[in-house]
Amino acid sequence: MENAQPYKFKTITEYHRQLGLPKPEHPLISLVHMDSITPPIT
């Protein structure tokens, strides 16, 4: 397994977009139920 570098998101909106989540309701606060997302397959 390769040593993958962690990805740094610049905004909460970018994080939501990457995970396929709806647009956040607030620009500075976001709650995500981690059991409701599927991890990317590498």
N, C-alpha and C. Protein backbone atom coordinates (compact mmCIF):
# COMPACT_ATOMS: atom_id res chain seq x y z
N MET A 1 0.83 -1.19 0.00
CA MET A 1 0.00 0.00 0.00
C MET A 1 0.87 1.24 0.00
N GLU A 2 0.52 2.18 -0.84
CA GLU A 2 1.29 3.42 -0.94
C GLU A 2 0.98 4.33 0.23
N ASN A 3 1.92 5.19 0.56
CA ASN A 3 1.68 6.20 1.59
C ASN A 3 0.99 7.39 0.95
N ALA A 4 -0.32 7.42 1.03
CA ALA A 4 -1.10 8.50 0.43
C ALA A 4 -1.04 9.73 1.32
N GLN A 5 -0.86 10.87 0.70
CA GLN A 5 -0.86 12.13 1.43
C GLN A 5 -2.29 12.55 1.75
N PRO A 6 -2.53 13.08 2.93
CA PRO A 6 -3.88 13.55 3.25
C PRO A 6 -4.24 14.74 2.38
N TYR A 7 -5.53 14.83 2.04
CA TYR A 7 -6.00 15.94 1.23
C TYR A 7 -6.45 17.06 2.14
N LYS A 8 -6.04 18.28 1.85
CA LYS A 8 -6.43 19.44 2.66
C LYS A 8 -7.52 20.21 1.92
N PHE A 9 -8.70 20.22 2.50
CA PHE A 9 -9.81 20.98 1.94
C PHE A 9 -9.67 22.43 2.36
N LYS A 10 -9.92 23.33 1.42
CA LYS A 10 -9.81 24.76 1.72
C LYS A 10 -11.12 25.33 2.26
N THR A 11 -12.24 24.69 1.92
CA THR A 11 -13.53 25.18 2.40
C THR A 11 -14.42 24.00 2.78
N ILE A 12 -15.42 24.29 3.59
CA ILE A 12 -16.39 23.27 3.95
C ILE A 12 -17.18 22.86 2.71
N THR A 13 -17.48 23.81 1.85
CA THR A 13 -18.22 23.51 0.62
C THR A 13 -17.44 22.53 -0.25
N GLU A 14 -16.13 22.70 -0.34
CA GLU A 14 -15.28 21.78 -1.11
C GLU A 14 -15.34 20.38 -0.53
N TYR A 15 -15.33 20.27 0.80
CA TYR A 15 -15.44 18.98 1.47
C TYR A 15 -16.77 18.31 1.16
N HIS A 16 -17.85 19.07 1.25
CA HIS A 16 -19.18 18.54 0.95
C HIS A 16 -19.27 18.08 -0.49
N ARG A 17 -18.73 18.87 -1.41
CA ARG A 17 -18.77 18.53 -2.83
C ARG A 17 -18.00 17.24 -3.10
N GLN A 18 -16.85 17.08 -2.46
CA GLN A 18 -16.03 15.87 -2.65
C GLN A 18 -16.75 14.62 -2.16
N LEU A 19 -17.52 14.74 -1.08
CA LEU A 19 -18.22 13.59 -0.52
C LEU A 19 -19.61 13.38 -1.11
N GLY A 20 -20.03 14.27 -2.00
CA GLY A 20 -21.35 14.14 -2.61
C GLY A 20 -22.46 14.54 -1.66
N LEU A 21 -22.16 15.41 -0.72
CA LEU A 21 -23.15 15.88 0.24
C LEU A 21 -23.82 17.15 -0.28
N PRO A 22 -24.99 17.49 0.25
CA PRO A 22 -25.63 18.74 -0.16
C PRO A 22 -24.82 19.94 0.33
N LYS A 23 -25.05 21.07 -0.29
CA LYS A 23 -24.37 22.31 0.07
C LYS A 23 -24.61 22.61 1.55
N PRO A 24 -23.55 23.01 2.29
CA PRO A 24 -23.74 23.29 3.72
C PRO A 24 -24.65 24.50 3.91
N GLU A 25 -25.42 24.45 4.99
CA GLU A 25 -26.34 25.54 5.29
C GLU A 25 -25.63 26.75 5.89
N HIS A 26 -24.47 26.53 6.50
CA HIS A 26 -23.70 27.61 7.10
C HIS A 26 -22.27 27.52 6.58
N PRO A 27 -21.63 28.65 6.24
CA PRO A 27 -20.28 28.59 5.66
C PRO A 27 -19.17 28.20 6.63
N LEU A 28 -19.41 28.27 7.94
CA LEU A 28 -18.35 27.99 8.90
C LEU A 28 -18.60 26.76 9.76
N ILE A 29 -19.81 26.19 9.70
CA ILE A 29 -20.15 25.05 10.56
C ILE A 29 -20.76 23.95 9.70
N SER A 30 -20.32 22.72 9.94
CA SER A 30 -20.87 21.59 9.21
C SER A 30 -20.83 20.36 10.10
N LEU A 31 -21.96 19.64 10.15
CA LEU A 31 -22.03 18.37 10.86
C LEU A 31 -22.30 17.28 9.85
N VAL A 32 -21.47 16.23 9.89
CA VAL A 32 -21.61 15.13 8.95
C VAL A 32 -21.64 13.83 9.74
N HIS A 33 -22.66 13.01 9.51
CA HIS A 33 -22.71 11.69 10.11
C HIS A 33 -21.79 10.79 9.29
N MET A 34 -20.66 10.43 9.87
CA MET A 34 -19.65 9.68 9.13
C MET A 34 -20.12 8.29 8.73
N ASP A 35 -21.11 7.73 9.42
CA ASP A 35 -21.61 6.43 9.04
C ASP A 35 -22.54 6.49 7.82
N SER A 36 -22.91 7.70 7.40
CA SER A 36 -23.78 7.85 6.24
C SER A 36 -23.02 8.07 4.93
N ILE A 37 -21.69 8.16 5.00
CA ILE A 37 -20.89 8.34 3.79
C ILE A 37 -20.09 7.07 3.54
N THR A 38 -19.72 6.88 2.30
CA THR A 38 -18.88 5.73 1.96
C THR A 38 -17.48 6.23 1.65
N PRO A 39 -16.47 5.59 2.21
CA PRO A 39 -15.09 6.02 1.95
C PRO A 39 -14.70 5.74 0.50
N PRO A 40 -13.84 6.58 -0.07
CA PRO A 40 -13.41 6.34 -1.44
C PRO A 40 -12.56 5.08 -1.54
N ILE A 41 -12.69 4.38 -2.62
CA ILE A 41 -11.89 3.17 -2.85
C ILE A 41 -10.63 3.59 -3.59
N THR A 42 -9.48 3.25 -3.00
CA THR A 42 -8.20 3.64 -3.63
C THR A 42 -7.49 2.45 -4.20
